[in-house]
Amino acid sequence: MEFHTKSKYDEHVRCQWDLVIDVCYVRSTNATVVGCDNGLKLRNVLKEIRKKRALVLGDFNYLDIDWTAYSVTSTSNSDTYEFLETV
């Protein structure tokens, strides 16, 4: 069954059973297609589904995140930090 959020984020596919499955592509370099606020849109969707059982997959393109240490590099921008905090 397809599941729709109120938040708009174009670069993803989502299905829902007992689990929301969200596959997304983040931080495209094509701002003409995705806009300059793509990271914000994704964070809004993630916040909206955070109370659900969810599996979020994708190419997040946040190279400054150290997923082992759950940290960002000192040169990371605020979008990278906010994404990590949201996740």
PDB file of N, CA and C in Angstrom:
ATOM      1  N   MET A   1       0.841  -1.167   0.000  1.00  0.00           N
ATOM      2  CA  MET A   1       0.000   0.000   0.000  1.00  0.00           C
ATOM      3  C   MET A   1       0.891   1.236   0.000  1.00  0.00           C
ATOM      4  N   GLU A   2       0.575   2.191  -0.822  1.00  0.00           N
ATOM      5  CA  GLU A   2       1.346   3.423  -0.859  1.00  0.00           C
ATOM      6  C   GLU A   2       0.979   4.281   0.343  1.00  0.00           C
ATOM      7  N   PHE A   3       1.977   4.951   0.894  1.00  0.00           N
ATOM      8  CA  PHE A   3       1.819   5.780   2.084  1.00  0.00           C
ATOM      9  C   PHE A   3       2.223   7.200   1.719  1.00  0.00           C
ATOM     10  N   HIS A   4       1.432   8.183   2.064  1.00  0.00           N
ATOM     11  CA  HIS A   4       1.732   9.578   1.739  1.00  0.00           C
ATOM     12  C   HIS A   4       1.936  10.384   3.012  1.00  0.00           C
ATOM     13  N   THR A   5       2.970  11.215   3.018  1.00  0.00           N
ATOM     14  CA  THR A   5       3.191  12.144   4.122  1.00  0.00           C
ATOM     15  C   THR A   5       2.666  13.514   3.706  1.00  0.00           C
ATOM     16  N   LYS A   6       2.460  14.376   4.668  1.00  0.00           N
ATOM     17  CA  LYS A   6       2.045  15.746   4.376  1.00  0.00           C
ATOM     18  C   LYS A   6       3.220  16.545   3.833  1.00  0.00           C
ATOM     19  N   SER A   7       4.438  16.202   4.271  1.00  0.00           N
ATOM     20  CA  SER A   7       5.637  16.897   3.831  1.00  0.00           C
ATOM     21  C   SER A   7       5.959  16.505   2.398  1.00  0.00           C
ATOM     22  N   LYS A   8       6.391  17.472   1.606  1.00  0.00           N
ATOM     23  CA  LYS A   8       6.704  17.214   0.203  1.00  0.00           C
ATOM     24  C   LYS A   8       8.194  16.930   0.054  1.00  0.00           C
ATOM     25  N   TYR A   9       8.503  15.790  -0.556  1.00  0.00           N
ATOM     26  CA  TYR A   9       9.884  15.427  -0.875  1.00  0.00           C
ATOM     27  C   TYR A   9       9.821  14.541  -2.102  1.00  0.00           C
ATOM     28  N   ASP A  10      10.304  15.033  -3.251  1.00  0.00           N
ATOM     29  CA  ASP A  10      10.095  14.356  -4.522  1.00  0.00           C
ATOM     30  C   ASP A  10      10.999  13.162  -4.784  1.00  0.00           C
ATOM     31  N   GLU A  11      12.164  13.127  -4.212  1.00  0.00           N
ATOM     32  CA  GLU A  11      13.153  12.119  -4.571  1.00  0.00           C
ATOM     33  C   GLU A  11      13.061  10.877  -3.687  1.00  0.00           C
ATOM     34  N   HIS A  12      11.903  10.222  -3.658  1.00  0.00           N
ATOM     35  CA  HIS A  12      11.774   9.025  -2.841  1.00  0.00           C
ATOM     36  C   HIS A  12      10.590   8.176  -3.287  1.00  0.00           C
ATOM     37  N   VAL A  13      10.604   6.939  -2.839  1.00  0.00           N
ATOM     38  CA  VAL A  13       9.492   6.011  -3.032  1.00  0.00           C
ATOM     39  C   VAL A  13       9.169   5.456  -1.661  1.00  0.00           C
ATOM     40  N   ARG A  14       7.912   5.346  -1.333  1.00  0.00           N
ATOM     41  CA  ARG A  14       7.543   4.891   0.009  1.00  0.00           C
ATOM     42  C   ARG A  14       6.388   3.905  -0.089  1.00  0.00           C
ATOM     43  N   CYS A  15       6.470   2.859   0.700  1.00  0.00           N
ATOM     44  CA  CYS A  15       5.389   1.873   0.842  1.00  0.00           C
ATOM     45  C   CYS A  15       5.163   1.657   2.327  1.00  0.00           C
ATOM     46  N   GLN A  16       3.987   1.159   2.679  1.00  0.00           N
ATOM     47  CA  GLN A  16       3.730   0.893   4.090  1.00  0.00           C
ATOM     48  C   GLN A  16       2.978  -0.416   4.241  1.00  0.00           C
ATOM     49  N   TRP A  17       3.477  -1.250   5.133  1.00  0.00           N
ATOM     50  CA  TRP A  17       2.768  -2.416   5.619  1.00  0.00           C
ATOM     51  C   TRP A  17       2.708  -2.184   7.124  1.00  0.00           C
ATOM     52  N   ASP A  18       3.271  -3.061   7.906  1.00  0.00           N
ATOM     53  CA  ASP A  18       3.435  -2.774   9.334  1.00  0.00           C
ATOM     54  C   ASP A  18       4.668  -1.917   9.544  1.00  0.00           C
ATOM     55  N   LEU A  19       5.357  -1.664   8.477  1.00  0.00           N
ATOM     56  CA  LEU A  19       6.624  -0.933   8.493  1.00  0.00           C
ATOM     57  C   LEU A  19       6.612   0.055   7.336  1.00  0.00           C
ATOM     58  N   VAL A  20       6.993   1.289   7.580  1.00  0.00           N
ATOM     59  CA  VAL A  20       7.146   2.252   6.498  1.00  0.00           C
ATOM     60  C   VAL A  20       8.519   2.021   5.886  1.00  0.00           C
ATOM     61  N   ILE A  21       8.567   1.818   4.582  1.00  0.00           N
ATOM     62  CA  ILE A  21       9.834   1.644   3.869  1.00  0.00           C
ATOM     63  C   ILE A  21       9.992   2.852   2.959  1.00  0.00           C
ATOM     64  N   ASP A  22      11.064   3.588   3.162  1.00  0.00           N
ATOM     65  CA  ASP A  22      11.298   4.813   2.418  1.00  0.00           C
ATOM     66  C   ASP A  22      12.652   4.718   1.738  1.00  0.00           C
ATOM     67  N   VAL A  23      12.673   4.824   0.421  1.00  0.00           N
ATOM     68  CA  VAL A  23      13.919   4.809  -0.342  1.00  0.00           C
ATOM     69  C   VAL A  23      14.066   6.191  -0.956  1.00  0.00           C
ATOM     70  N   CYS A  24      15.188   6.853  -0.676  1.00  0.00           N
ATOM     71  CA  CYS A  24      15.328   8.221  -1.148  1.00  0.00           C
ATOM     72  C   CYS A  24      16.736   8.513  -1.649  1.00  0.00           C
ATOM     73  N   TYR A  25      16.801   9.540  -2.459  1.00  0.00           N
ATOM     74  CA  TYR A  25      18.059  10.033  -2.992  1.00  0.00           C
ATOM     75  C   TYR A  25      18.217  11.457  -2.480  1.00  0.00           C
ATOM     76  N   VAL A  26      19.288  11.704  -1.774  1.00  0.00           N
ATOM     77  CA  VAL A  26      19.459  12.980  -1.093  1.00  0.00           C
ATOM     78  C   VAL A  26      20.616  13.772  -1.690  1.00  0.00           C
ATOM     79  N   ARG A  27      20.470  15.049  -1.625  1.00  0.00           N
ATOM     80  CA  ARG A  27      21.519  16.001  -1.977  1.00  0.00           C
ATOM     81  C   ARG A  27      21.961  15.893  -3.418  1.00  0.00           C
ATOM     82  N   SER A  28      21.017  15.848  -4.294  1.00  0.00           N
ATOM     83  CA  SER A  28      21.319  15.894  -5.711  1.00  0.00           C
ATOM     84  C   SER A  28      22.019  17.211  -6.007  1.00  0.00           C
ATOM     85  N   THR A  29      22.939  17.188  -6.931  1.00  0.00           N
ATOM     86  CA  THR A  29      23.625  18.422  -7.314  1.00  0.00           C
ATOM     87  C   THR A  29      22.784  19.233  -8.300  1.00  0.00           C
ATOM     88  N   ASN A  30      21.634  18.710  -8.693  1.00  0.00           N
ATOM     89  CA  ASN A  30      20.781  19.399  -9.652  1.00  0.00           C
ATOM     90  C   ASN A  30      19.708  20.197  -8.907  1.00  0.00           C
ATOM     91  N   ALA A  31      20.063  21.396  -8.461  1.00  0.00           N
ATOM     92  CA  ALA A  31      19.132  22.242  -7.704  1.00  0.00           C
ATOM     93  C   ALA A  31      17.942  22.661  -8.557  1.00  0.00           C
ATOM     94  N   THR A  32      18.089  22.674  -9.868  1.00  0.00           N
ATOM     95  CA  THR A  32      16.986  23.013 -10.755  1.00  0.00           C
ATOM     96  C   THR A  32      15.854  22.004 -10.605  1.00  0.00           C
ATOM     97  N   VAL A  33      16.206  20.744 -10.388  1.00  0.00           N
ATOM     98  CA  VAL A  33      15.207  19.681 -10.263  1.00  0.00           C
ATOM     99  C   VAL A  33      14.690  19.575  -8.839  1.00  0.00           C
ATOM    100  N   VAL A  34      15.582  19.532  -7.850  1.00  0.00           N
ATOM    101  CA  VAL A  34      15.173  19.257  -6.465  1.00  0.00           C
ATOM    102  C   VAL A  34      15.048  20.506  -5.606  1.00  0.00           C
ATOM    103  N   GLY A  35      15.538  21.631  -6.056  1.00  0.00           N
ATOM    104  CA  GLY A  35      15.474  22.856  -5.270  1.00  0.00           C
ATOM    105  C   GLY A  35      16.626  22.933  -4.281  1.00  0.00           C
ATOM    106  N   CYS A  36      16.782  24.091  -3.674  1.00  0.00           N
ATOM    107  CA  CYS A  36      17.900  24.298  -2.761  1.00  0.00           C
ATOM    108  C   CYS A  36      17.574  23.863  -1.334  1.00  0.00           C
ATOM    109  N   ASP A  37      16.327  23.509  -1.064  1.00  0.00           N
ATOM    110  CA  ASP A  37      15.933  23.120   0.285  1.00  0.00           C
ATOM    111  C   ASP A  37      15.622  21.624   0.396  1.00  0.00           C
ATOM    112  N   ASN A  38      16.265  20.821  -0.434  1.00  0.00           N
ATOM    113  CA  ASN A  38      16.031  19.379  -0.473  1.00  0.00           C
ATOM    114  C   ASN A  38      16.325  18.714   0.871  1.00  0.00           C
ATOM    115  N   GLY A  39      17.406  19.106   1.527  1.00  0.00           N
ATOM    116  CA  GLY A  39      17.753  18.543   2.828  1.00  0.00           C
ATOM    117  C   GLY A  39      16.689  18.840   3.874  1.00  0.00           C
ATOM    118  N   LEU A  40      16.181  20.047   3.872  1.00  0.00           N
ATOM    119  CA  LEU A  40      15.115  20.441   4.803  1.00  0.00           C
ATOM    120  C   LEU A  40      13.852  19.621   4.556  1.00  0.00           C
ATOM    121  N   LYS A  41      13.499  19.446   3.294  1.00  0.00           N
ATOM    122  CA  LYS A  41      12.313  18.651   2.956  1.00  0.00           C
ATOM    123  C   LYS A  41      12.455  17.218   3.459  1.00  0.00           C
ATOM    124  N   LEU A  42      13.633  16.632   3.271  1.00  0.00           N
ATOM    125  CA  LEU A  42      13.852  15.265   3.741  1.00  0.00           C
ATOM    126  C   LEU A  42      13.754  15.200   5.257  1.00  0.00           C
ATOM    127  N   ARG A  43      14.366  16.143   5.960  1.00  0.00           N
ATOM    128  CA  ARG A  43      14.293  16.144   7.429  1.00  0.00           C
ATOM    129  C   ARG A  43      12.849  16.260   7.908  1.00  0.00           C
ATOM    130  N   ASN A  44      12.033  17.038   7.216  1.00  0.00           N
ATOM    131  CA  ASN A  44      10.626  17.164   7.587  1.00  0.00           C
ATOM    132  C   ASN A  44       9.892  15.833   7.434  1.00  0.00           C
ATOM    133  N   VAL A  45      10.169  15.109   6.354  1.00  0.00           N
ATOM    134  CA  VAL A  45       9.554  13.793   6.156  1.00  0.00           C
ATOM    135  C   VAL A  45      10.017  12.839   7.247  1.00  0.00           C
ATOM    136  N   LEU A  46      11.311  12.825   7.554  1.00  0.00           N
ATOM    137  CA  LEU A  46      11.833  11.921   8.586  1.00  0.00           C
ATOM    138  C   LEU A  46      11.223  12.225   9.951  1.00  0.00           C
ATOM    139  N   LYS A  47      11.046  13.489  10.246  1.00  0.00           N
ATOM    140  CA  LYS A  47      10.411  13.867  11.522  1.00  0.00           C
ATOM    141  C   LYS A  47       8.957  13.405  11.558  1.00  0.00           C
ATOM    142  N   GLU A  48       8.299  13.473  10.420  1.00  0.00           N
ATOM    143  CA  GLU A  48       6.891  13.082  10.352  1.00  0.00           C
ATOM    144  C   GLU A  48       6.703  11.572  10.575  1.00  0.00           C
ATOM    145  N   ILE A  49       7.633  10.774  10.112  1.00  0.00           N
ATOM    146  CA  ILE A  49       7.478   9.319  10.246  1.00  0.00           C
ATOM    147  C   ILE A  49       8.234   8.748  11.443  1.00  0.00           C
ATOM    148  N   ARG A  50       8.834   9.586  12.260  1.00  0.00           N
ATOM    149  CA  ARG A  50       9.693   9.098  13.341  1.00  0.00           C
ATOM    150  C   ARG A  50       8.968   8.264  14.387  1.00  0.00           C
ATOM    151  N   LYS A  51       7.686   8.416  14.533  1.00  0.00           N
ATOM    152  CA  LYS A  51       6.925   7.630  15.509  1.00  0.00           C
ATOM    153  C   LYS A  51       6.470   6.291  14.936  1.00  0.00           C
ATOM    154  N   LYS A  52       6.748   6.056  13.665  1.00  0.00           N
ATOM    155  CA  LYS A  52       6.360   4.807  13.020  1.00  0.00           C
ATOM    156  C   LYS A  52       7.564   3.876  12.942  1.00  0.00           C
ATOM    157  N   ARG A  53       7.281   2.599  12.791  1.00  0.00           N
ATOM    158  CA  ARG A  53       8.373   1.658  12.505  1.00  0.00           C
ATOM    159  C   ARG A  53       8.780   1.925  11.067  1.00  0.00           C
ATOM    160  N   ALA A  54      10.030   2.325  10.875  1.00  0.00           N
ATOM    161  CA  ALA A  54      10.448   2.744   9.539  1.00  0.00           C
ATOM    162  C   ALA A  54      11.821   2.207   9.187  1.00  0.00           C
ATOM    163  N   LEU A  55      11.985   1.919   7.921  1.00  0.00           N
ATOM    164  CA  LEU A  55      13.266   1.545   7.346  1.00  0.00           C
ATOM    165  C   LEU A  55      13.541   2.561   6.253  1.00  0.00           C
ATOM    166  N   VAL A  56      14.568   3.382   6.439  1.00  0.00           N
ATOM    167  CA  VAL A  56      14.901   4.431   5.486  1.00  0.00           C
ATOM    168  C   VAL A  56      16.201   4.034   4.798  1.00  0.00           C
ATOM    169  N   LEU A  57      16.140   3.917   3.486  1.00  0.00           N
ATOM    170  CA  LEU A  57      17.292   3.504   2.686  1.00  0.00           C
ATOM    171  C   LEU A  57      17.566   4.563   1.630  1.00  0.00           C
ATOM    172  N   GLY A  58      18.795   4.629   1.192  1.00  0.00           N
ATOM    173  CA  GLY A  58      19.063   5.529   0.082  1.00  0.00           C
ATOM    174  C   GLY A  58      20.496   5.963  -0.013  1.00  0.00           C
ATOM    175  N   ASP A  59      20.719   6.808  -0.987  1.00  0.00           N
ATOM    176  CA  ASP A  59      22.018   7.412  -1.217  1.00  0.00           C
ATOM    177  C   ASP A  59      21.938   8.810  -0.628  1.00  0.00           C
ATOM    178  N   PHE A  60      22.385   8.935   0.618  1.00  0.00           N
ATOM    179  CA  PHE A  60      22.198  10.191   1.331  1.00  0.00           C
ATOM    180  C   PHE A  60      23.230  11.247   0.970  1.00  0.00           C
ATOM    181  N   ASN A  61      24.368  10.843   0.445  1.00  0.00           N
ATOM    182  CA  ASN A  61      25.389  11.795  -0.012  1.00  0.00           C
ATOM    183  C   ASN A  61      25.868  12.759   1.063  1.00  0.00           C
ATOM    184  N   TYR A  62      25.916  12.302   2.296  1.00  0.00           N
ATOM    185  CA  TYR A  62      26.490  13.102   3.376  1.00  0.00           C
ATOM    186  C   TYR A  62      27.857  12.507   3.690  1.00  0.00           C
ATOM    187  N   LEU A  63      28.846  12.925   2.927  1.00  0.00           N
ATOM    188  CA  LEU A  63      30.182  12.343   3.037  1.00  0.00           C
ATOM    189  C   LEU A  63      30.896  12.740   4.320  1.00  0.00           C
ATOM    190  N   ASP A  64      30.449  13.812   4.969  1.00  0.00           N
ATOM    191  CA  ASP A  64      31.100  14.295   6.194  1.00  0.00           C
ATOM    192  C   ASP A  64      30.592  13.608   7.457  1.00  0.00           C
ATOM    193  N   ILE A  65      29.696  12.628   7.309  1.00  0.00           N
ATOM    194  CA  ILE A  65      29.186  11.922   8.484  1.00  0.00           C
ATOM    195  C   ILE A  65      29.995  10.653   8.707  1.00  0.00           C
ATOM    196  N   ASP A  66      30.482  10.500   9.916  1.00  0.00           N
ATOM    197  CA  ASP A  66      31.144   9.259  10.335  1.00  0.00           C
ATOM    198  C   ASP A  66      30.075   8.440  11.046  1.00  0.00           C
ATOM    199  N   TRP A  67      29.501   7.463  10.344  1.00  0.00           N
ATOM    200  CA  TRP A  67      28.383   6.693  10.887  1.00  0.00           C
ATOM    201  C   TRP A  67      28.823   5.772  12.023  1.00  0.00           C
ATOM    202  N   THR A  68      30.093   5.415  12.063  1.00  0.00           N
ATOM    203  CA  THR A  68      30.588   4.571  13.150  1.00  0.00           C
ATOM    204  C   THR A  68      30.623   5.353  14.465  1.00  0.00           C
ATOM    205  N   ALA A  69      31.091   6.585  14.393  1.00  0.00           N
ATOM    206  CA  ALA A  69      31.210   7.429  15.584  1.00  0.00           C
ATOM    207  C   ALA A  69      29.975   8.312  15.806  1.00  0.00           C
ATOM    208  N   TYR A  70      29.029   8.263  14.866  1.00  0.00           N
ATOM    209  CA  TYR A  70      27.834   9.098  14.925  1.00  0.00           C
ATOM    210  C   TYR A  70      28.222  10.568  15.135  1.00  0.00           C
ATOM    211  N   SER A  71      29.071  11.049  14.223  1.00  0.00           N
ATOM    212  CA  SER A  71      29.567  12.422  14.333  1.00  0.00           C
ATOM    213  C   SER A  71      29.801  12.995  12.935  1.00  0.00           C
ATOM    214  N   VAL A  72      29.997  14.304  12.891  1.00  0.00           N
ATOM    215  CA  VAL A  72      30.310  14.992  11.644  1.00  0.00           C
ATOM    216  C   VAL A  72      31.695  15.611  11.753  1.00  0.00           C
ATOM    217  N   THR A  73      32.323  15.850  10.617  1.00  0.00           N
ATOM    218  CA  THR A  73      33.651  16.466  10.629  1.00  0.00           C
ATOM    219  C   THR A  73      33.528  17.938  11.000  1.00  0.00           C
ATOM    220  N   SER A  74      34.621  18.524  11.398  1.00  0.00           N
ATOM    221  CA  SER A  74      34.607  19.923  11.824  1.00  0.00           C
ATOM    222  C   SER A  74      34.307  20.876  10.670  1.00  0.00           C
ATOM    223  N   THR A  75      34.474  20.426   9.431  1.00  0.00           N
ATOM    224  CA  THR A  75      34.223  21.277   8.263  1.00  0.00           C
ATOM    225  C   THR A  75      32.808  21.082   7.703  1.00  0.00           C
ATOM    226  N   SER A  76      31.986  20.284   8.363  1.00  0.00           N
ATOM    227  CA  SER A  76      30.627  20.012   7.880  1.00  0.00           C
ATOM    228  C   SER A  76      29.752  21.251   7.958  1.00  0.00           C
ATOM    229  N   ASN A  77      28.806  21.332   7.031  1.00  0.00           N
ATOM    230  CA  ASN A  77      27.871  22.458   7.073  1.00  0.00           C
ATOM    231  C   ASN A  77      26.682  22.122   7.981  1.00  0.00           C
ATOM    232  N   SER A  78      25.835  23.090   8.223  1.00  0.00           N
ATOM    233  CA  SER A  78      24.719  22.895   9.153  1.00  0.00           C
ATOM    234  C   SER A  78      23.721  21.863   8.638  1.00  0.00           C
ATOM    235  N   ASP A  79      23.548  21.742   7.327  1.00  0.00           N
ATOM    236  CA  ASP A  79      22.634  20.752   6.769  1.00  0.00           C
ATOM    237  C   ASP A  79      23.073  19.336   7.139  1.00  0.00           C
ATOM    238  N   THR A  80      24.370  19.080   7.072  1.00  0.00           N
ATOM    239  CA  THR A  80      24.909  17.757   7.435  1.00  0.00           C
ATOM    240  C   THR A  80      24.660  17.469   8.910  1.00  0.00           C
ATOM    241  N   TYR A  81      24.948  18.433   9.758  1.00  0.00           N
ATOM    242  CA  TYR A  81      24.743  18.262  11.193  1.00  0.00           C
ATOM    243  C   TYR A  81      23.262  18.037  11.502  1.00  0.00           C
ATOM    244  N   GLU A  82      22.387  18.828  10.895  1.00  0.00           N
ATOM    245  CA  GLU A  82      20.950  18.711  11.151  1.00  0.00           C
ATOM    246  C   GLU A  82      20.411  17.373  10.657  1.00  0.00           C
ATOM    247  N   PHE A  83      20.925  16.866   9.531  1.00  0.00           N
ATOM    248  CA  PHE A  83      20.495  15.553   9.055  1.00  0.00           C
ATOM    249  C   PHE A  83      20.875  14.477  10.059  1.00  0.00           C
ATOM    250  N   LEU A  84      22.113  14.518  10.550  1.00  0.00           N
ATOM    251  CA  LEU A  84      22.558  13.517  11.529  1.00  0.00           C
ATOM    252  C   LEU A  84      21.714  13.592  12.802  1.00  0.00           C
ATOM    253  N   GLU A  85      21.412  14.791  13.251  1.00  0.00           N
ATOM    254  CA  GLU A  85      20.593  14.953  14.460  1.00  0.00           C
ATOM    255  C   GLU A  85      19.180  14.409  14.245  1.00  0.00           C
ATOM    256  N   THR A  86      18.643  14.607  13.066  1.00  0.00           N
ATOM    257  CA  THR A  86      17.298  14.125  12.747  1.00  0.00           C
ATOM    258  C   THR A  86      17.248  12.592  12.724  1.00  0.00           C
ATOM    259  N   VAL A  87      18.280  12.011  12.115  1.00  0.00           N
ATOM    260  CA  VAL A  87      18.343  10.536  12.046  1.00  0.00           C
ATOM    261  C   VAL A  87      18.567   9.975  13.420  1.00  0.00           C
TER     262      VAL A  87
END
